[in-house]
N, C-alpha and C. Protein backbone atom coordinates (compact mmCIF):
# COMPACT_ATOMS: atom_id res chain seq x y z
N MET A 1 -11.02 11.61 5.35
CA MET A 1 -9.98 10.69 4.84
C MET A 1 -9.83 9.51 5.81
N ASN A 2 -9.85 8.33 5.30
CA ASN A 2 -9.59 7.14 6.13
C ASN A 2 -8.20 6.64 5.87
N THR A 3 -7.59 6.09 6.91
CA THR A 3 -6.24 5.52 6.78
C THR A 3 -6.31 4.01 6.89
N VAL A 4 -5.81 3.30 5.91
CA VAL A 4 -5.82 1.81 5.93
C VAL A 4 -4.35 1.39 6.03
N VAL A 5 -4.04 0.44 6.86
CA VAL A 5 -2.69 -0.04 7.06
C VAL A 5 -2.57 -1.53 6.68
N PHE A 6 -1.49 -1.82 5.94
CA PHE A 6 -1.23 -3.12 5.40
C PHE A 6 0.14 -3.63 5.83
N LYS A 7 0.22 -4.86 6.33
CA LYS A 7 1.52 -5.54 6.50
C LYS A 7 1.81 -6.23 5.21
N THR A 8 3.04 -6.05 4.72
CA THR A 8 3.31 -6.57 3.37
C THR A 8 4.57 -7.53 3.39
N SER A 9 4.75 -8.12 2.25
CA SER A 9 5.85 -9.07 2.08
C SER A 9 6.99 -8.46 1.35
N VAL A 10 7.04 -7.15 1.25
CA VAL A 10 8.07 -6.43 0.49
C VAL A 10 9.41 -6.75 1.10
N ASN A 11 10.43 -7.08 0.28
CA ASN A 11 11.72 -7.40 0.70
C ASN A 11 12.80 -6.38 0.31
N SER A 12 12.47 -5.53 -0.73
CA SER A 12 13.43 -4.54 -1.11
C SER A 12 12.67 -3.38 -1.81
N ARG A 13 13.43 -2.37 -2.10
CA ARG A 13 12.84 -1.17 -2.81
C ARG A 13 12.33 -1.55 -4.15
N ILE A 14 12.94 -2.51 -4.79
CA ILE A 14 12.64 -2.99 -6.13
C ILE A 14 11.15 -3.48 -6.12
N ASP A 15 10.71 -4.05 -5.06
CA ASP A 15 9.36 -4.56 -4.93
C ASP A 15 8.35 -3.42 -5.03
N MET A 16 8.72 -2.22 -4.64
CA MET A 16 7.79 -1.04 -4.66
C MET A 16 7.85 -0.22 -5.93
N ILE A 17 8.86 -0.47 -6.78
CA ILE A 17 9.03 0.40 -7.96
C ILE A 17 7.77 0.37 -8.80
N ALA A 18 7.23 -0.79 -9.07
CA ALA A 18 6.08 -0.85 -9.99
C ALA A 18 4.80 -0.29 -9.40
N VAL A 19 4.65 -0.34 -8.09
CA VAL A 19 3.43 0.17 -7.53
C VAL A 19 3.44 1.69 -7.29
N LYS A 20 4.61 2.23 -7.18
CA LYS A 20 4.75 3.66 -6.85
C LYS A 20 3.99 4.55 -7.81
N PRO A 21 4.11 4.39 -9.09
CA PRO A 21 3.39 5.34 -10.00
C PRO A 21 1.86 5.10 -9.91
N VAL A 22 1.45 3.87 -9.70
CA VAL A 22 0.06 3.53 -9.65
C VAL A 22 -0.55 4.18 -8.39
N PHE A 23 0.13 3.99 -7.20
CA PHE A 23 -0.34 4.63 -5.97
C PHE A 23 -0.37 6.13 -6.09
N ASN A 24 0.67 6.70 -6.73
CA ASN A 24 0.72 8.17 -6.87
C ASN A 24 -0.47 8.63 -7.62
N LEU A 25 -0.82 7.89 -8.71
CA LEU A 25 -1.97 8.31 -9.61
C LEU A 25 -3.30 8.15 -8.90
N LEU A 26 -3.48 7.04 -8.20
CA LEU A 26 -4.74 6.75 -7.52
C LEU A 26 -5.02 7.55 -6.22
N PHE A 27 -3.94 7.71 -5.42
CA PHE A 27 -4.12 8.29 -4.13
C PHE A 27 -3.43 9.63 -3.91
N GLY A 28 -2.46 9.91 -4.77
CA GLY A 28 -1.72 11.12 -4.66
C GLY A 28 -0.42 10.93 -3.91
N HIS A 29 0.58 11.60 -4.31
CA HIS A 29 1.99 11.40 -3.82
C HIS A 29 2.08 11.38 -2.21
N LYS A 30 1.25 12.29 -1.62
CA LYS A 30 1.36 12.43 -0.19
C LYS A 30 0.29 11.62 0.61
N ASN A 31 -0.46 10.78 -0.07
CA ASN A 31 -1.55 10.07 0.55
C ASN A 31 -1.24 8.59 0.75
N TRP A 32 -0.01 8.27 0.59
CA TRP A 32 0.41 6.88 0.91
C TRP A 32 1.83 6.90 1.37
N LEU A 33 2.22 5.97 2.24
CA LEU A 33 3.59 5.93 2.83
C LEU A 33 4.01 4.45 3.05
N PHE A 34 5.15 4.14 2.64
CA PHE A 34 5.67 2.75 2.89
C PHE A 34 6.84 2.84 3.85
N SER A 35 6.86 2.04 4.91
CA SER A 35 7.95 1.93 5.80
C SER A 35 8.71 0.59 5.50
N PHE A 36 9.92 0.73 5.01
CA PHE A 36 10.72 -0.52 4.73
C PHE A 36 11.16 -1.17 5.97
N GLU A 37 11.32 -0.42 7.06
CA GLU A 37 11.75 -0.99 8.32
C GLU A 37 10.78 -2.05 8.85
N ASP A 38 9.46 -1.74 8.86
CA ASP A 38 8.43 -2.69 9.36
C ASP A 38 7.60 -3.38 8.23
N LYS A 39 7.84 -2.93 6.92
CA LYS A 39 7.17 -3.49 5.76
C LYS A 39 5.66 -3.17 5.87
N VAL A 40 5.40 -1.94 6.28
CA VAL A 40 4.03 -1.51 6.49
C VAL A 40 3.69 -0.42 5.46
N LEU A 41 2.53 -0.53 4.84
CA LEU A 41 2.03 0.41 3.84
C LEU A 41 0.84 1.06 4.48
N LYS A 42 0.84 2.43 4.48
CA LYS A 42 -0.32 3.19 4.92
C LYS A 42 -0.88 3.94 3.74
N VAL A 43 -2.22 3.89 3.55
CA VAL A 43 -2.91 4.51 2.45
C VAL A 43 -3.96 5.39 3.06
N MET A 44 -4.04 6.67 2.66
CA MET A 44 -5.12 7.53 3.01
C MET A 44 -6.04 7.70 1.80
N SER A 45 -7.35 7.48 1.98
CA SER A 45 -8.26 7.57 0.89
C SER A 45 -9.62 7.94 1.39
N SER A 46 -10.37 8.71 0.60
CA SER A 46 -11.72 9.07 0.99
C SER A 46 -12.79 7.99 0.51
N VAL A 47 -12.33 7.01 -0.25
CA VAL A 47 -13.17 5.95 -0.64
C VAL A 47 -12.67 4.62 -0.25
N PRO A 48 -13.43 3.60 -0.09
CA PRO A 48 -12.89 2.26 0.27
C PRO A 48 -11.90 1.81 -0.73
N CYS A 49 -10.72 1.31 -0.27
CA CYS A 49 -9.71 0.95 -1.17
C CYS A 49 -8.90 -0.33 -0.84
N VAL A 50 -9.41 -1.04 0.21
CA VAL A 50 -8.61 -2.22 0.63
C VAL A 50 -8.47 -3.26 -0.49
N ASP A 51 -9.52 -3.59 -1.14
CA ASP A 51 -9.45 -4.61 -2.21
C ASP A 51 -8.55 -4.18 -3.38
N MET A 52 -8.67 -2.89 -3.71
CA MET A 52 -7.85 -2.36 -4.84
C MET A 52 -6.41 -2.35 -4.48
N VAL A 53 -6.02 -1.96 -3.27
CA VAL A 53 -4.60 -1.97 -2.90
C VAL A 53 -4.11 -3.41 -2.83
N LYS A 54 -4.86 -4.31 -2.27
CA LYS A 54 -4.41 -5.74 -2.26
C LYS A 54 -4.21 -6.30 -3.68
N ALA A 55 -5.10 -5.92 -4.63
CA ALA A 55 -5.01 -6.40 -5.98
C ALA A 55 -3.79 -5.87 -6.69
N ILE A 56 -3.51 -4.52 -6.48
CA ILE A 56 -2.29 -3.94 -7.09
C ILE A 56 -1.05 -4.57 -6.50
N LEU A 57 -0.99 -4.75 -5.24
CA LEU A 57 0.18 -5.41 -4.60
C LEU A 57 0.32 -6.89 -5.17
N ARG A 58 -0.76 -7.60 -5.20
CA ARG A 58 -0.73 -8.98 -5.70
C ARG A 58 -0.21 -9.07 -7.18
N GLU A 59 -0.71 -8.15 -7.95
CA GLU A 59 -0.28 -8.09 -9.37
C GLU A 59 1.26 -7.87 -9.49
N ASN A 60 1.81 -7.37 -8.50
CA ASN A 60 3.27 -7.06 -8.50
C ASN A 60 4.03 -8.00 -7.52
N GLY A 61 3.43 -9.15 -7.28
CA GLY A 61 4.13 -10.12 -6.49
C GLY A 61 4.30 -9.86 -4.98
N VAL A 62 3.46 -9.03 -4.48
CA VAL A 62 3.56 -8.62 -3.04
C VAL A 62 2.27 -9.01 -2.33
N VAL A 63 2.39 -9.68 -1.16
CA VAL A 63 1.23 -10.00 -0.37
C VAL A 63 1.03 -8.85 0.53
N GLY A 64 -0.21 -8.41 0.68
CA GLY A 64 -0.61 -7.26 1.53
C GLY A 64 -1.82 -7.68 2.39
N GLU A 65 -1.71 -7.68 3.73
CA GLU A 65 -2.85 -7.97 4.56
C GLU A 65 -3.18 -6.74 5.43
N GLU A 66 -4.46 -6.39 5.42
CA GLU A 66 -4.90 -5.24 6.17
C GLU A 66 -4.73 -5.49 7.61
N LEU A 67 -4.18 -4.52 8.34
CA LEU A 67 -4.06 -4.57 9.79
C LEU A 67 -5.23 -3.73 10.36
N ARG A 68 -5.97 -4.32 11.20
CA ARG A 68 -7.14 -3.67 11.84
C ARG A 68 -6.65 -2.80 13.05
N LEU A 69 -6.84 -1.51 12.99
CA LEU A 69 -6.48 -0.68 14.14
C LEU A 69 -7.54 -0.62 15.20
N VAL A 70 -7.13 -0.78 16.40
CA VAL A 70 -8.09 -0.90 17.55
C VAL A 70 -8.21 0.51 18.17
């Protein structure tokens, strides 16, 4: 499993309501986590998913940029 981290433009819980069921379906309930404190989304996936996550966020009015872990 690979972990991909995104810095997002989420401002409230309402911003995540639309993406929650999609992320649960694609990645599983326990394979993604959003921190409202730092606006960071972590996704665990066994397949490349960066472009898909960005597209889902964008479709819901949220900007998501991948953070490269060193």
